[in-house]
Amino acid sequence: MPNETNIDDDRDETIDPNKSAVKFIIYGEEMIEKKVKLSGNSGRVYLPPNWVGHHVKIIRID
């Protein structure tokens, strides 16, 4: 449709390149820290099988 706008187009203008990190406060059940491994043209993180079906949030820390 001609009146639709893409939200992703506006996001690049709001990112401040001088900021190196942001603070997130997250409440959850468990936390695992792992390194992302190469998997084809993408990255992969393996999680415990009992996490299957649950919602997770991934935050890049470096």
Protein backbone atom coordinates (compact mmCIF):
# COMPACT_ATOMS: atom_id res chain seq x y z
CA MET A 1 0.00 0.00 0.00
CA PRO A 2 1.37 3.46 -0.81
CA ASN A 3 0.72 5.02 2.63
CA GLU A 4 2.56 2.34 4.61
CA THR A 5 5.92 3.29 6.14
CA ASN A 6 8.69 0.96 7.16
CA ILE A 7 9.63 1.40 10.84
CA ASP A 8 13.15 0.05 10.22
CA ASP A 9 13.92 3.00 7.91
CA ASP A 10 13.64 5.47 10.82
CA ARG A 11 15.64 3.48 13.35
CA ASP A 12 19.08 4.29 11.91
CA GLU A 13 18.52 8.01 12.53
CA THR A 14 17.84 7.50 16.26
CA ILE A 15 21.01 5.52 17.06
CA ASP A 16 23.75 7.60 18.67
CA PRO A 17 27.11 6.27 17.36
CA ASN A 18 28.96 7.87 20.31
CA LYS A 19 27.27 5.62 22.89
CA SER A 20 29.11 2.37 23.56
CA ALA A 21 26.58 0.63 25.79
CA VAL A 22 23.12 0.89 27.24
CA LYS A 23 21.70 -0.42 30.50
CA PHE A 24 18.97 -3.07 30.55
CA ILE A 25 17.09 -4.16 33.65
CA ILE A 26 15.57 -7.60 33.09
CA TYR A 27 13.69 -9.87 35.45
CA GLY A 28 13.70 -13.56 34.67
CA GLU A 29 14.08 -17.13 35.84
CA GLU A 30 17.61 -18.09 34.73
CA MET A 31 20.61 -16.62 32.95
CA ILE A 32 23.28 -18.35 30.88
CA GLU A 33 26.28 -16.57 29.41
CA LYS A 34 27.65 -18.17 26.24
CA LYS A 35 29.69 -17.30 23.17
CA VAL A 36 27.91 -17.28 19.80
CA LYS A 37 29.33 -19.89 17.41
CA LEU A 38 29.45 -19.62 13.62
CA SER A 39 26.74 -21.61 11.86
CA GLY A 40 26.72 -21.21 8.07
CA ASN A 41 26.02 -17.53 7.32
CA SER A 42 24.69 -16.91 10.82
CA GLY A 43 25.44 -17.36 14.51
CA ARG A 44 24.10 -19.95 16.92
CA VAL A 45 23.78 -20.34 20.68
CA TYR A 46 22.76 -23.69 22.15
CA LEU A 47 20.44 -23.56 25.14
CA PRO A 48 19.29 -26.28 27.54
CA PRO A 49 16.51 -28.53 26.24
CA ASN A 50 14.22 -27.57 29.13
CA TRP A 51 14.20 -24.00 27.70
CA VAL A 52 12.45 -25.21 24.51
CA GLY A 53 9.06 -23.54 24.18
CA HIS A 54 9.95 -20.68 26.53
CA HIS A 55 10.52 -17.03 25.56
CA VAL A 56 14.12 -15.79 25.80
CA LYS A 57 15.81 -12.42 25.27
CA ILE A 58 19.31 -12.21 23.83
CA ILE A 59 21.49 -9.18 24.62
CA ARG A 60 24.89 -8.68 23.00
CA ILE A 61 27.32 -7.55 25.72
CA ASP A 62 30.47 -6.88 23.68
